[in-house]
Amino acid sequence: MLSPAKLVTTGAIVFAIGGAMYIAQPLEQEGRALGAVTDEESMRPALVTGFLSWPDDAQVEGYEETMQDGFRREHWVDTSNTAEMSDPRFSGALTIEMTGERFDDLGTDIGWAAVRIENDAGFWEGTSVSTSDRTAETREVAYYALVGGGAYEGLSAVVFQTEAPDDEWLWSGIIFPGDLPPDR
């Protein structure tokens, strides 16, 4: 026969084991398994770093070049790049529709582009503006302002790009909830 002390102890053990099993089992919460990314987690701000990569056989589409008033204007679409970032929300296939003006006598150019990064969960769209000094070690710098869509709806990102001497484009910036400046 169980004494009251043994009954309480047995009940506590059964409750503890049952509670642990209950917590450990996959629970559904708003259609997602316990431990899945929640809306709050997917909306968290984050510093991001990474780089652009592209295959050796990358080709641009629709390349056009014209001369105007002593400078060369170029336009193309590049769909061969990939953004490889520290935050998977900001990694994916990169499409850039670029227009640039080269000032050969100055050794510089300016560029502006429509940008889209896309992965399985969503996308980022926006613009960039860049300039370069082809005589310097850090040849190109660019600023990207992007707004999220799909799973990234409600997020924005601002990223800066620098071109290293080995032709690698390095990115660093921030993902944050809300609109891009100046609408914040």
N, C-alpha and C. Protein backbone atom coordinates (compact mmCIF):
# COMPACT_ATOMS: atom_id res chain seq x y z
N MET A 1 0.84 -1.17 0.00
CA MET A 1 0.00 0.00 0.00
C MET A 1 0.88 1.23 0.00
N LEU A 2 0.48 2.22 -0.77
CA LEU A 2 1.25 3.46 -0.88
C LEU A 2 0.91 4.39 0.27
N SER A 3 1.94 4.91 0.85
CA SER A 3 1.74 5.93 1.87
C SER A 3 1.49 7.25 1.16
N PRO A 4 0.93 8.25 1.85
CA PRO A 4 0.71 9.55 1.23
C PRO A 4 2.00 10.15 0.68
N ALA A 5 3.14 9.97 1.34
CA ALA A 5 4.41 10.52 0.87
C ALA A 5 4.83 9.85 -0.44
N LYS A 6 4.67 8.49 -0.50
CA LYS A 6 5.02 7.78 -1.72
C LYS A 6 4.07 8.15 -2.86
N LEU A 7 2.80 8.35 -2.56
CA LEU A 7 1.81 8.74 -3.55
C LEU A 7 2.16 10.11 -4.15
N VAL A 8 2.53 11.05 -3.31
CA VAL A 8 2.90 12.38 -3.78
C VAL A 8 4.18 12.30 -4.62
N THR A 9 5.17 11.52 -4.15
CA THR A 9 6.42 11.38 -4.88
C THR A 9 6.18 10.73 -6.23
N THR A 10 5.38 9.66 -6.28
CA THR A 10 5.07 8.98 -7.53
C THR A 10 4.33 9.91 -8.48
N GLY A 11 3.38 10.67 -7.95
CA GLY A 11 2.63 11.63 -8.78
C GLY A 11 3.55 12.70 -9.35
N ALA A 12 4.49 13.17 -8.54
CA ALA A 12 5.43 14.20 -9.01
C ALA A 12 6.31 13.65 -10.12
N ILE A 13 6.77 12.39 -9.97
CA ILE A 13 7.62 11.79 -10.99
C ILE A 13 6.83 11.60 -12.29
N VAL A 14 5.62 11.06 -12.17
CA VAL A 14 4.77 10.86 -13.36
C VAL A 14 4.49 12.21 -14.03
N PHE A 15 4.18 13.23 -13.25
CA PHE A 15 3.91 14.56 -13.78
C PHE A 15 5.14 15.13 -14.48
N ALA A 16 6.33 14.96 -13.88
CA ALA A 16 7.56 15.48 -14.46
C ALA A 16 7.88 14.80 -15.78
N ILE A 17 7.76 13.45 -15.82
CA ILE A 17 8.05 12.71 -17.05
C ILE A 17 7.02 13.06 -18.12
N GLY A 18 5.76 13.09 -17.75
CA GLY A 18 4.70 13.44 -18.70
C GLY A 18 4.87 14.86 -19.22
N GLY A 19 5.22 15.79 -18.34
CA GLY A 19 5.43 17.18 -18.76
C GLY A 19 6.60 17.30 -19.72
N ALA A 20 7.69 16.58 -19.46
CA ALA A 20 8.86 16.62 -20.34
C ALA A 20 8.50 16.04 -21.71
N MET A 21 7.75 14.94 -21.71
CA MET A 21 7.36 14.34 -22.99
C MET A 21 6.41 15.27 -23.74
N TYR A 22 5.53 15.93 -23.04
CA TYR A 22 4.59 16.86 -23.65
C TYR A 22 5.33 18.04 -24.29
N ILE A 23 6.31 18.57 -23.60
CA ILE A 23 7.07 19.70 -24.12
C ILE A 23 7.93 19.27 -25.29
N ALA A 24 8.48 18.06 -25.26
CA ALA A 24 9.40 17.60 -26.29
C ALA A 24 8.69 17.21 -27.58
N GLN A 25 7.41 16.89 -27.53
CA GLN A 25 6.74 16.46 -28.76
C GLN A 25 6.51 17.64 -29.69
N PRO A 26 6.46 17.39 -30.99
CA PRO A 26 6.20 18.48 -31.93
C PRO A 26 4.79 19.02 -31.71
N LEU A 27 4.71 20.26 -31.39
CA LEU A 27 3.43 20.91 -31.20
C LEU A 27 3.15 21.81 -32.38
N GLU A 28 1.91 21.93 -32.75
CA GLU A 28 1.53 22.87 -33.78
C GLU A 28 1.11 24.16 -33.10
N GLN A 29 1.65 25.25 -33.61
CA GLN A 29 1.33 26.56 -33.05
C GLN A 29 1.15 27.50 -34.23
N GLU A 30 -0.07 27.92 -34.47
CA GLU A 30 -0.41 28.77 -35.60
C GLU A 30 0.08 28.15 -36.90
N GLY A 31 -0.08 26.83 -37.07
CA GLY A 31 0.28 26.16 -38.29
C GLY A 31 1.76 25.85 -38.44
N ARG A 32 2.59 26.14 -37.44
CA ARG A 32 4.02 25.87 -37.53
C ARG A 32 4.42 24.97 -36.37
N ALA A 33 5.40 24.13 -36.63
CA ALA A 33 5.91 23.26 -35.59
C ALA A 33 6.67 24.08 -34.56
N LEU A 34 6.64 23.62 -33.32
CA LEU A 34 7.39 24.27 -32.26
C LEU A 34 8.85 24.34 -32.67
N GLY A 35 9.47 25.49 -32.51
CA GLY A 35 10.86 25.68 -32.90
C GLY A 35 11.01 26.29 -34.28
N ALA A 36 9.94 26.35 -35.06
CA ALA A 36 10.02 26.99 -36.37
C ALA A 36 10.14 28.49 -36.19
N VAL A 37 10.60 29.16 -37.22
CA VAL A 37 10.75 30.61 -37.16
C VAL A 37 9.38 31.25 -36.99
N THR A 38 9.28 32.13 -36.02
CA THR A 38 8.03 32.84 -35.79
C THR A 38 8.08 34.16 -36.51
N ASP A 39 6.93 34.83 -36.60
CA ASP A 39 6.88 36.14 -37.23
C ASP A 39 7.82 37.11 -36.55
N GLU A 40 7.89 37.05 -35.21
CA GLU A 40 8.78 37.95 -34.49
C GLU A 40 10.24 37.68 -34.86
N GLU A 41 10.60 36.42 -34.99
CA GLU A 41 11.97 36.08 -35.34
C GLU A 41 12.29 36.50 -36.77
N SER A 42 11.36 36.29 -37.70
CA SER A 42 11.63 36.64 -39.09
C SER A 42 11.66 38.15 -39.30
N MET A 43 11.13 38.92 -38.36
CA MET A 43 11.12 40.37 -38.46
C MET A 43 12.25 41.02 -37.68
N ARG A 44 13.14 40.23 -37.13
CA ARG A 44 14.21 40.79 -36.31
C ARG A 44 15.22 41.55 -37.18
N PRO A 45 15.75 42.65 -36.67
CA PRO A 45 16.82 43.34 -37.39
C PRO A 45 18.10 42.52 -37.31
N ALA A 46 18.96 42.68 -38.30
CA ALA A 46 20.21 41.92 -38.31
C ALA A 46 21.26 42.64 -39.14
N LEU A 47 22.48 42.61 -38.66
CA LEU A 47 23.60 43.05 -39.47
C LEU A 47 23.90 41.93 -40.46
N VAL A 48 24.21 42.29 -41.69
CA VAL A 48 24.50 41.28 -42.71
C VAL A 48 25.84 41.60 -43.37
N THR A 49 26.58 40.55 -43.65
CA THR A 49 27.82 40.67 -44.41
C THR A 49 27.84 39.55 -45.43
N GLY A 50 28.60 39.74 -46.46
CA GLY A 50 28.69 38.70 -47.46
C GLY A 50 29.32 39.24 -48.73
N PHE A 51 29.04 38.56 -49.82
CA PHE A 51 29.64 38.95 -51.08
C PHE A 51 28.77 38.48 -52.24
N LEU A 52 29.08 39.02 -53.40
CA LEU A 52 28.45 38.57 -54.64
C LEU A 52 29.36 37.55 -55.28
N SER A 53 28.78 36.54 -55.83
CA SER A 53 29.56 35.57 -56.59
C SER A 53 28.84 35.30 -57.90
N TRP A 54 29.60 34.92 -58.88
CA TRP A 54 29.04 34.61 -60.17
C TRP A 54 29.92 33.56 -60.84
N PRO A 55 29.34 32.79 -61.73
CA PRO A 55 30.11 31.75 -62.41
C PRO A 55 31.12 32.37 -63.38
N ASP A 56 32.17 31.64 -63.68
CA ASP A 56 33.18 32.13 -64.62
C ASP A 56 32.60 32.40 -65.99
N ASP A 57 31.57 31.66 -66.37
CA ASP A 57 30.98 31.83 -67.70
C ASP A 57 29.78 32.78 -67.68
N ALA A 58 29.72 33.67 -66.69
CA ALA A 58 28.60 34.62 -66.57
C ALA A 58 28.52 35.50 -67.81
N GLN A 59 27.30 35.73 -68.24
CA GLN A 59 27.07 36.59 -69.39
C GLN A 59 25.92 37.53 -69.08
N VAL A 60 26.04 38.74 -69.58
CA VAL A 60 24.96 39.71 -69.41
C VAL A 60 24.04 39.65 -70.62
N GLU A 61 22.80 40.03 -70.40
CA GLU A 61 21.81 40.01 -71.47
C GLU A 61 21.57 41.43 -71.96
N GLY A 62 21.36 41.57 -73.25
CA GLY A 62 20.95 42.84 -73.83
C GLY A 62 21.95 43.97 -73.67
N TYR A 63 23.25 43.66 -73.71
CA TYR A 63 24.25 44.71 -73.54
C TYR A 63 24.14 45.73 -74.67
N GLU A 64 24.06 47.00 -74.30
CA GLU A 64 24.02 48.10 -75.26
C GLU A 64 25.03 49.14 -74.83
N GLU A 65 25.68 49.75 -75.80
CA GLU A 65 26.65 50.81 -75.52
C GLU A 65 26.45 51.93 -76.52
N THR A 66 26.41 53.16 -76.02
CA THR A 66 26.30 54.33 -76.88
C THR A 66 27.28 55.38 -76.39
N MET A 67 27.68 56.28 -77.28
CA MET A 67 28.53 57.42 -76.91
C MET A 67 27.67 58.68 -76.93
N GLN A 68 27.77 59.45 -75.84
CA GLN A 68 27.01 60.70 -75.74
C GLN A 68 27.87 61.76 -75.07
N ASP A 69 28.09 62.88 -75.73
CA ASP A 69 28.79 64.02 -75.16
C ASP A 69 30.12 63.65 -74.49
N GLY A 70 30.88 62.76 -75.10
CA GLY A 70 32.19 62.43 -74.58
C GLY A 70 32.22 61.34 -73.51
N PHE A 71 31.10 60.74 -73.19
CA PHE A 71 31.11 59.62 -72.26
C PHE A 71 30.35 58.44 -72.85
N ARG A 72 30.66 57.30 -72.34
CA ARG A 72 30.07 56.06 -72.83
C ARG A 72 28.96 55.62 -71.89
N ARG A 73 27.78 55.39 -72.44
CA ARG A 73 26.65 54.88 -71.65
C ARG A 73 26.48 53.40 -71.97
N GLU A 74 26.35 52.60 -70.89
CA GLU A 74 26.17 51.16 -71.03
C GLU A 74 24.88 50.74 -70.32
N HIS A 75 24.26 49.71 -70.84
CA HIS A 75 23.05 49.16 -70.21
C HIS A 75 23.06 47.65 -70.43
N TRP A 76 22.72 46.90 -69.36
CA TRP A 76 22.65 45.45 -69.46
C TRP A 76 21.83 44.88 -68.30
N VAL A 77 21.50 43.60 -68.43
CA VAL A 77 20.83 42.85 -67.37
C VAL A 77 21.72 41.66 -67.04
N ASP A 78 21.99 41.48 -65.76
CA ASP A 78 22.83 40.37 -65.30
C ASP A 78 22.02 39.50 -64.35
N THR A 79 21.80 38.26 -64.74
CA THR A 79 21.04 37.31 -63.91
C THR A 79 21.91 36.17 -63.39
N SER A 80 23.22 36.29 -63.53
CA SER A 80 24.10 35.17 -63.18
C SER A 80 24.70 35.29 -61.78
N ASN A 81 24.45 36.39 -61.07
CA ASN A 81 25.05 36.59 -59.75
C ASN A 81 24.26 35.90 -58.65
N THR A 82 24.92 35.66 -57.54
CA THR A 82 24.31 35.13 -56.33
C THR A 82 24.78 35.97 -55.16
N ALA A 83 23.86 36.35 -54.29
CA ALA A 83 24.22 37.04 -53.04
C ALA A 83 24.40 35.96 -51.98
N GLU A 84 25.58 35.88 -51.41
CA GLU A 84 25.89 34.90 -50.36
C GLU A 84 26.14 35.67 -49.08
N MET A 85 25.10 35.73 -48.23
CA MET A 85 25.13 36.60 -47.07
C MET A 85 25.10 35.82 -45.76
N SER A 86 25.49 36.48 -44.68
CA SER A 86 25.50 35.86 -43.36
C SER A 86 24.10 35.57 -42.85
N ASP A 87 23.09 36.23 -43.36
CA ASP A 87 21.69 36.00 -42.99
C ASP A 87 20.99 35.37 -44.19
N PRO A 88 20.48 34.13 -44.04
CA PRO A 88 19.87 33.45 -45.18
C PRO A 88 18.68 34.19 -45.78
N ARG A 89 18.06 35.09 -45.01
CA ARG A 89 16.95 35.86 -45.57
C ARG A 89 17.42 36.73 -46.73
N PHE A 90 18.69 37.10 -46.74
CA PHE A 90 19.21 38.05 -47.72
C PHE A 90 20.12 37.37 -48.75
N SER A 91 20.10 36.05 -48.79
CA SER A 91 20.89 35.29 -49.77
C SER A 91 19.99 34.83 -50.89
N GLY A 92 20.55 34.68 -52.08
CA GLY A 92 19.76 34.14 -53.18
C GLY A 92 20.23 34.62 -54.53
N ALA A 93 19.43 34.29 -55.53
CA ALA A 93 19.71 34.68 -56.91
C ALA A 93 19.57 36.19 -57.04
N LEU A 94 20.52 36.81 -57.69
CA LEU A 94 20.56 38.26 -57.82
C LEU A 94 20.40 38.66 -59.28
N THR A 95 19.45 39.54 -59.54
CA THR A 95 19.26 40.11 -60.86
C THR A 95 19.52 41.61 -60.77
N ILE A 96 20.37 42.10 -61.66
CA ILE A 96 20.69 43.53 -61.69
C ILE A 96 20.46 44.03 -63.11
N GLU A 97 19.62 45.06 -63.25
CA GLU A 97 19.49 45.76 -64.52
C GLU A 97 20.23 47.07 -64.37
N MET A 98 21.38 47.16 -64.98
CA MET A 98 22.34 48.24 -64.73
C MET A 98 22.42 49.21 -65.90
N THR A 99 22.51 50.48 -65.57
CA THR A 99 22.85 51.53 -66.52
C THR A 99 24.04 52.27 -65.94
N GLY A 100 25.04 52.51 -66.77
CA GLY A 100 26.22 53.19 -66.29
C GLY A 100 26.75 54.18 -67.31
N GLU A 101 27.45 55.16 -66.81
CA GLU A 101 28.11 56.13 -67.67
C GLU A 101 29.59 56.14 -67.32
N ARG A 102 30.43 55.89 -68.31
CA ARG A 102 31.88 55.85 -68.10
C ARG A 102 32.50 57.14 -68.60
N PHE A 103 33.32 57.71 -67.75
CA PHE A 103 34.07 58.91 -68.09
C PHE A 103 35.54 58.49 -68.18
N ASP A 104 35.92 57.98 -69.36
CA ASP A 104 37.24 57.39 -69.52
C ASP A 104 38.36 58.37 -69.22
N ASP A 105 38.20 59.65 -69.58
CA ASP A 105 39.27 60.62 -69.34
C ASP A 105 39.46 60.89 -67.85
N LEU A 106 38.46 60.58 -67.03
CA LEU A 106 38.57 60.73 -65.57
C LEU A 106 38.89 59.41 -64.85
N GLY A 107 38.78 58.31 -65.58
CA GLY A 107 39.03 57.01 -64.95
C GLY A 107 37.95 56.61 -63.97
N THR A 108 36.73 57.06 -64.21
CA THR A 108 35.63 56.78 -63.28
C THR A 108 34.34 56.53 -64.03
N ASP A 109 33.36 56.07 -63.33
CA ASP A 109 32.02 55.93 -63.88
C ASP A 109 30.99 56.04 -62.76
N ILE A 110 29.75 56.19 -63.17
CA ILE A 110 28.63 56.14 -62.24
C ILE A 110 27.65 55.12 -62.77
N GLY A 111 26.89 54.52 -61.87
CA GLY A 111 25.92 53.53 -62.29
C GLY A 111 24.69 53.56 -61.41
N TRP A 112 23.59 53.14 -61.97
CA TRP A 112 22.35 53.00 -61.20
C TRP A 112 21.65 51.76 -61.72
N ALA A 113 20.94 51.08 -60.82
CA ALA A 113 20.39 49.78 -61.19
C ALA A 113 19.10 49.48 -60.45
N ALA A 114 18.29 48.64 -61.08
CA ALA A 114 17.17 47.98 -60.43
C ALA A 114 17.71 46.64 -59.96
N VAL A 115 17.40 46.25 -58.71
CA VAL A 115 18.01 45.08 -58.09
C VAL A 115 16.92 44.17 -57.53
N ARG A 116 17.11 42.87 -57.67
CA ARG A 116 16.21 41.88 -57.05
C ARG A 116 17.04 40.71 -56.56
N ILE A 117 16.83 40.34 -55.29
CA ILE A 117 17.43 39.13 -54.70
C ILE A 117 16.26 38.22 -54.38
N GLU A 118 16.35 36.96 -54.80
CA GLU A 118 15.22 36.05 -54.62
C GLU A 118 15.70 34.71 -54.09
N ASN A 119 14.94 34.17 -53.11
CA ASN A 119 15.18 32.81 -52.63
C ASN A 119 13.83 32.12 -52.44
N ASP A 120 13.82 30.93 -51.89
CA ASP A 120 12.59 30.15 -51.78
C ASP A 120 11.52 30.82 -50.91
N ALA A 121 11.92 31.63 -49.94
CA ALA A 121 10.96 32.22 -49.01
C ALA A 121 10.42 33.58 -49.45
N GLY A 122 11.17 34.30 -50.26
CA GLY A 122 10.71 35.63 -50.65
C GLY A 122 11.73 36.33 -51.51
N PHE A 123 11.64 37.67 -51.52
CA PHE A 123 12.51 38.45 -52.38
C PHE A 123 12.76 39.82 -51.79
N TRP A 124 13.74 40.51 -52.35
CA TRP A 124 14.09 41.88 -52.02
C TRP A 124 14.19 42.64 -53.33
N GLU A 125 13.57 43.82 -53.39
CA GLU A 125 13.64 44.64 -54.59
C GLU A 125 13.98 46.06 -54.22
N GLY A 126 14.72 46.72 -55.11
CA GLY A 126 15.06 48.11 -54.88
C GLY A 126 16.02 48.62 -55.91
N THR A 127 16.83 49.57 -55.48
CA THR A 127 17.75 50.24 -56.39
C THR A 127 19.15 50.31 -55.80
N SER A 128 20.09 50.59 -56.67
CA SER A 128 21.45 50.86 -56.21
C SER A 128 22.00 52.02 -57.01
N VAL A 129 22.98 52.66 -56.43
CA VAL A 129 23.75 53.68 -57.12
C VAL A 129 25.21 53.41 -56.79
N SER A 130 26.07 53.57 -57.80
CA SER A 130 27.48 53.23 -57.59
C SER A 130 28.38 54.23 -58.30
N THR A 131 29.62 54.23 -57.88
CA THR A 131 30.66 54.99 -58.55
C THR A 131 31.96 54.21 -58.39
N SER A 132 32.88 54.48 -59.30
CA SER A 132 34.14 53.75 -59.20
C SER A 132 35.30 54.66 -59.59
N ASP A 133 36.44 54.27 -59.10
CA ASP A 133 37.72 54.89 -59.46
C ASP A 133 38.59 53.75 -59.93
N ARG A 134 38.72 53.59 -61.21
CA ARG A 134 39.44 52.44 -61.76
C ARG A 134 40.94 52.50 -61.51
N THR A 135 41.43 53.58 -60.91
CA THR A 135 42.85 53.69 -60.60
C THR A 135 43.15 53.36 -59.14
N ALA A 136 42.11 53.18 -58.32
CA ALA A 136 42.29 52.95 -56.88
C ALA A 136 42.22 51.47 -56.53
N GLU A 137 42.68 51.14 -55.30
CA GLU A 137 42.61 49.76 -54.84
C GLU A 137 41.17 49.31 -54.61
N THR A 138 40.38 50.12 -53.91
CA THR A 138 38.95 49.85 -53.76
C THR A 138 38.27 50.58 -54.91
N ARG A 139 37.98 49.82 -55.94
CA ARG A 139 37.58 50.46 -57.19
C ARG A 139 36.14 50.91 -57.22
N GLU A 140 35.21 50.11 -56.76
CA GLU A 140 33.80 50.48 -56.85
C GLU A 140 33.17 50.50 -55.47
N VAL A 141 32.32 51.47 -55.24
CA VAL A 141 31.49 51.50 -54.05
C VAL A 141 30.05 51.69 -54.51
N ALA A 142 29.13 51.06 -53.80
CA ALA A 142 27.72 51.14 -54.18
C ALA A 142 26.86 51.13 -52.93
N TYR A 143 25.67 51.67 -53.07
CA TYR A 143 24.67 51.73 -52.01
C TYR A 143 23.41 51.08 -52.55
N TYR A 144 22.86 50.13 -51.78
CA TYR A 144 21.64 49.43 -52.15
C TYR A 144 20.55 49.73 -51.12
N ALA A 145 19.35 50.02 -51.59
CA ALA A 145 18.18 50.22 -50.72
C ALA A 145 17.09 49.28 -51.24
N LEU A 146 16.71 48.29 -50.42
CA LEU A 146 15.81 47.23 -50.87
C LEU A 146 14.65 47.03 -49.90
N VAL A 147 13.52 46.62 -50.43
CA VAL A 147 12.32 46.34 -49.64
C VAL A 147 11.96 44.87 -49.83
N GLY A 148 11.59 44.19 -48.75
CA GLY A 148 11.30 42.77 -48.80
C GLY A 148 9.88 42.47 -49.25
N GLY A 149 9.71 41.28 -49.83
CA GLY A 149 8.41 40.78 -50.24
C GLY A 149 8.32 39.30 -49.91
N GLY A 150 7.12 38.74 -49.99
CA GLY A 150 6.93 37.34 -49.61
C GLY A 150 7.11 37.23 -48.11
N ALA A 151 7.94 36.28 -47.66
CA ALA A 151 8.18 36.11 -46.22
C ALA A 151 8.89 37.30 -45.60
N TYR A 152 9.45 38.19 -46.44
CA TYR A 152 10.19 39.35 -45.94
C TYR A 152 9.38 40.64 -46.01
N GLU A 153 8.09 40.51 -46.27
CA GLU A 153 7.19 41.66 -46.30
C GLU A 153 7.30 42.41 -44.98
N GLY A 154 7.44 43.73 -45.04
CA GLY A 154 7.56 44.54 -43.83
C GLY A 154 8.99 44.80 -43.41
N LEU A 155 9.96 44.23 -44.15
CA LEU A 155 11.37 44.45 -43.86
C LEU A 155 11.99 45.32 -44.95
N SER A 156 13.04 46.02 -44.59
CA SER A 156 13.84 46.79 -45.54
C SER A 156 15.31 46.45 -45.28
N ALA A 157 16.15 46.80 -46.24
CA ALA A 157 17.59 46.56 -46.09
C ALA A 157 18.37 47.68 -46.76
N VAL A 158 19.44 48.07 -46.12
CA VAL A 158 20.39 49.02 -46.68
C VAL A 158 21.75 48.33 -46.65
N VAL A 159 22.40 48.26 -47.80
CA VAL A 159 23.66 47.53 -47.92
C VAL A 159 24.66 48.39 -48.69
N PHE A 160 25.91 48.33 -48.25
CA PHE A 160 27.00 49.00 -48.95
C PHE A 160 27.90 47.95 -49.57
N GLN A 161 28.38 48.25 -50.76
CA GLN A 161 29.23 47.32 -51.50
C GLN A 161 30.58 47.98 -51.76
N THR A 162 31.64 47.22 -51.60
CA THR A 162 32.97 47.68 -52.02
C THR A 162 33.59 46.60 -52.88
N GLU A 163 34.33 47.03 -53.86
CA GLU A 163 35.01 46.08 -54.74
C GLU A 163 36.45 45.96 -54.28
N ALA A 164 36.84 44.77 -53.93
CA ALA A 164 38.21 44.50 -53.49
C ALA A 164 39.13 44.41 -54.70
N PRO A 165 40.44 44.51 -54.50
CA PRO A 165 41.39 44.44 -55.62
C PRO A 165 41.29 43.15 -56.43
N ASP A 166 40.81 42.06 -55.82
CA ASP A 166 40.71 40.79 -56.54
C ASP A 166 39.36 40.64 -57.27
N ASP A 167 38.66 41.76 -57.49
CA ASP A 167 37.38 41.79 -58.20
C ASP A 167 36.25 41.10 -57.44
N GLU A 168 36.39 40.96 -56.14
CA GLU A 168 35.31 40.41 -55.33
C GLU A 168 34.50 41.58 -54.77
N TRP A 169 33.17 41.47 -54.84
CA TRP A 169 32.31 42.52 -54.33
C TRP A 169 31.83 42.13 -52.94
N LEU A 170 32.23 42.90 -51.94
CA LEU A 170 31.89 42.64 -50.54
C LEU A 170 30.70 43.49 -50.13
N TRP A 171 29.77 42.88 -49.41
CA TRP A 171 28.57 43.59 -48.95
C TRP A 171 28.54 43.62 -47.43
N SER A 172 28.05 44.73 -46.88
CA SER A 172 27.76 44.83 -45.45
C SER A 172 26.62 45.82 -45.28
N GLY A 173 25.74 45.52 -44.33
CA GLY A 173 24.59 46.40 -44.13
C GLY A 173 23.69 45.89 -43.03
N ILE A 174 22.41 46.24 -43.14
CA ILE A 174 21.44 45.91 -42.10
C ILE A 174 20.09 45.59 -42.72
N ILE A 175 19.42 44.61 -42.14
CA ILE A 175 18.01 44.31 -42.40
C ILE A 175 17.25 44.87 -41.20
N PHE A 176 16.14 45.54 -41.45
CA PHE A 176 15.39 46.11 -40.33
C PHE A 176 13.90 46.14 -40.66
N PRO A 177 13.03 46.09 -39.63
CA PRO A 177 11.60 46.17 -39.88
C PRO A 177 11.20 47.59 -40.22
N GLY A 178 10.23 47.73 -41.11
CA GLY A 178 9.70 49.05 -41.47
C GLY A 178 10.14 49.51 -42.83
N ASP A 179 9.81 50.75 -43.10
CA ASP A 179 10.10 51.36 -44.39
C ASP A 179 11.53 51.86 -44.49
N LEU A 180 11.95 52.07 -45.72
CA LEU A 180 13.25 52.70 -45.96
C LEU A 180 13.19 54.18 -45.58
N PRO A 181 14.30 54.75 -45.15
CA PRO A 181 14.33 56.20 -44.98
C PRO A 181 14.07 56.86 -46.32
N PRO A 182 13.46 58.01 -46.40
CA PRO A 182 13.07 58.90 -45.32
C PRO A 182 11.67 58.66 -44.80
N ASP A 183 11.02 57.55 -45.23
CA ASP A 183 9.63 57.30 -44.83
C ASP A 183 9.50 56.67 -43.45
N ARG A 184 10.58 56.47 -42.74
CA ARG A 184 10.54 55.83 -41.42
C ARG A 184 9.84 56.69 -40.42
